Amino acid sequence: DGGSKVNFCKALRDAGAKVDHCFVLFYYDIFPQGREMMKEIGVGLHYLTTWWDVLKVAKASGHFEPKVLDEVESFLNEPAKWSAAHGGISDFNQAKQG
């Protein structure tokens, strides 16, 4: 979460554009380095909603079983650990390199 936005901003800058802000409709907001990566290149990040916002609304709606929402929250809190526990990768940096 952040890498593709950074690459996009850098590509625009390489083409001569001035890029100080990035706007996305949906920001995952589950990897702490995402915001930091944008700060490092001097780009402000703006978004309409995050997974955390969606989870809050889902909990308030009463349309989902608590067990399902607990599982989603478990993923949001520790995506790599959740992924490994469900047969996925445990190191997202390796996936980017591979």
Protein backbone atom coordinates (compact mmCIF):
# COMPACT_ATOMS: atom_id res chain seq x y z
CA ASP A 1 0.00 0.00 0.00
CA GLY A 2 1.88 2.99 -1.24
CA GLY A 3 4.30 1.56 -3.77
CA SER A 4 2.08 2.00 -6.82
CA LYS A 5 1.15 5.55 -5.78
CA VAL A 6 4.82 6.45 -5.34
CA ASN A 7 5.69 4.97 -8.76
CA PHE A 8 2.82 6.83 -10.40
CA CYS A 9 3.81 10.16 -8.83
CA LYS A 10 7.45 9.65 -9.83
CA ALA A 11 6.45 8.83 -13.41
CA LEU A 12 4.39 12.01 -13.63
CA ARG A 13 7.28 14.03 -12.22
CA ASP A 14 9.69 12.39 -14.69
CA ALA A 15 7.35 13.57 -17.46
CA GLY A 16 7.58 17.14 -16.16
CA ALA A 17 4.47 17.36 -13.99
CA LYS A 18 4.46 19.03 -10.60
CA VAL A 19 3.03 16.48 -8.16
CA ASP A 20 2.44 17.57 -4.57
CA HIS A 21 -0.75 15.62 -3.83
CA CYS A 22 -2.22 12.22 -4.57
CA PHE A 23 -5.94 11.48 -4.30
CA VAL A 24 -7.43 7.99 -4.20
CA LEU A 25 -11.00 6.93 -3.63
CA PHE A 26 -10.10 3.98 -1.42
CA TYR A 27 -6.96 3.79 0.70
CA TYR A 28 -6.29 0.42 2.34
CA ASP A 29 -4.47 2.00 5.31
CA ILE A 30 -3.18 -1.35 6.57
CA PHE A 31 0.55 -0.95 6.00
CA PRO A 32 2.20 1.71 8.18
CA GLN A 33 4.91 2.41 5.60
CA GLY A 34 2.34 3.60 3.03
CA ARG A 35 1.92 7.10 4.43
CA GLU A 36 5.63 7.38 5.17
CA MET A 37 6.53 6.52 1.57
CA MET A 38 4.38 9.39 0.32
CA LYS A 39 5.90 11.81 2.83
CA GLU A 40 9.40 10.79 1.74
CA ILE A 41 8.71 11.97 -1.81
CA GLY A 42 6.90 15.11 -0.62
CA VAL A 43 3.41 14.13 -1.70
CA GLY A 44 0.30 14.64 0.41
CA LEU A 45 -2.09 11.68 0.42
CA HIS A 46 -5.85 12.29 0.30
CA TYR A 47 -8.65 9.72 0.17
CA LEU A 48 -12.39 9.30 0.65
CA THR A 49 -12.39 6.17 2.75
CA THR A 50 -10.33 3.32 4.21
CA TRP A 51 -10.87 -0.29 5.20
CA TRP A 52 -11.19 0.97 8.78
CA ASP A 53 -14.08 3.24 7.77
CA VAL A 54 -15.79 0.39 5.94
CA LEU A 55 -15.37 -1.89 8.95
CA LYS A 56 -16.87 0.73 11.28
CA VAL A 57 -19.94 1.11 9.06
CA ALA A 58 -20.26 -2.66 8.64
CA LYS A 59 -20.23 -3.14 12.42
CA ALA A 60 -22.82 -0.41 12.93
CA SER A 61 -25.11 -1.77 10.21
CA GLY A 62 -25.77 -5.12 11.86
CA HIS A 63 -25.81 -6.81 8.44
CA PHE A 64 -22.78 -8.99 9.09
CA GLU A 65 -22.04 -11.74 11.57
CA PRO A 66 -19.63 -10.60 14.30
CA LYS A 67 -17.36 -13.54 13.44
CA VAL A 68 -16.95 -12.24 9.88
CA LEU A 69 -16.17 -8.72 11.07
CA ASP A 70 -13.70 -10.06 13.63
CA GLU A 71 -11.91 -11.89 10.82
CA VAL A 72 -11.75 -8.74 8.71
CA GLU A 73 -10.40 -6.80 11.68
CA SER A 74 -7.82 -9.52 12.29
CA PHE A 75 -6.62 -9.09 8.71
CA LEU A 76 -6.52 -5.30 9.00
CA ASN A 77 -4.49 -5.42 12.21
CA GLU A 78 -1.88 -7.89 10.91
CA PRO A 79 -2.23 -8.54 7.18
CA ALA A 80 0.97 -10.59 6.78
CA LYS A 81 0.22 -12.77 9.79
CA TRP A 82 -3.39 -13.26 8.64
CA SER A 83 -2.22 -14.13 5.13
CA ALA A 84 0.26 -16.73 6.39
CA ALA A 85 -2.37 -18.28 8.66
CA HIS A 86 -4.65 -18.70 5.64
CA GLY A 87 -2.11 -20.20 3.24
CA GLY A 88 -0.78 -16.95 1.79
CA ILE A 89 2.54 -15.19 2.01
CA SER A 90 3.90 -13.86 5.28
CA ASP A 91 6.36 -11.34 3.86
CA PHE A 92 4.88 -8.88 1.41
CA ASN A 93 8.32 -7.45 0.61
CA GLN A 94 9.35 -10.84 -0.81
CA ALA A 95 6.27 -10.89 -3.02
CA LYS A 96 7.25 -7.52 -4.53
CA GLN A 97 10.78 -8.77 -5.22
CA GLY A 98 9.68 -12.08 -6.71
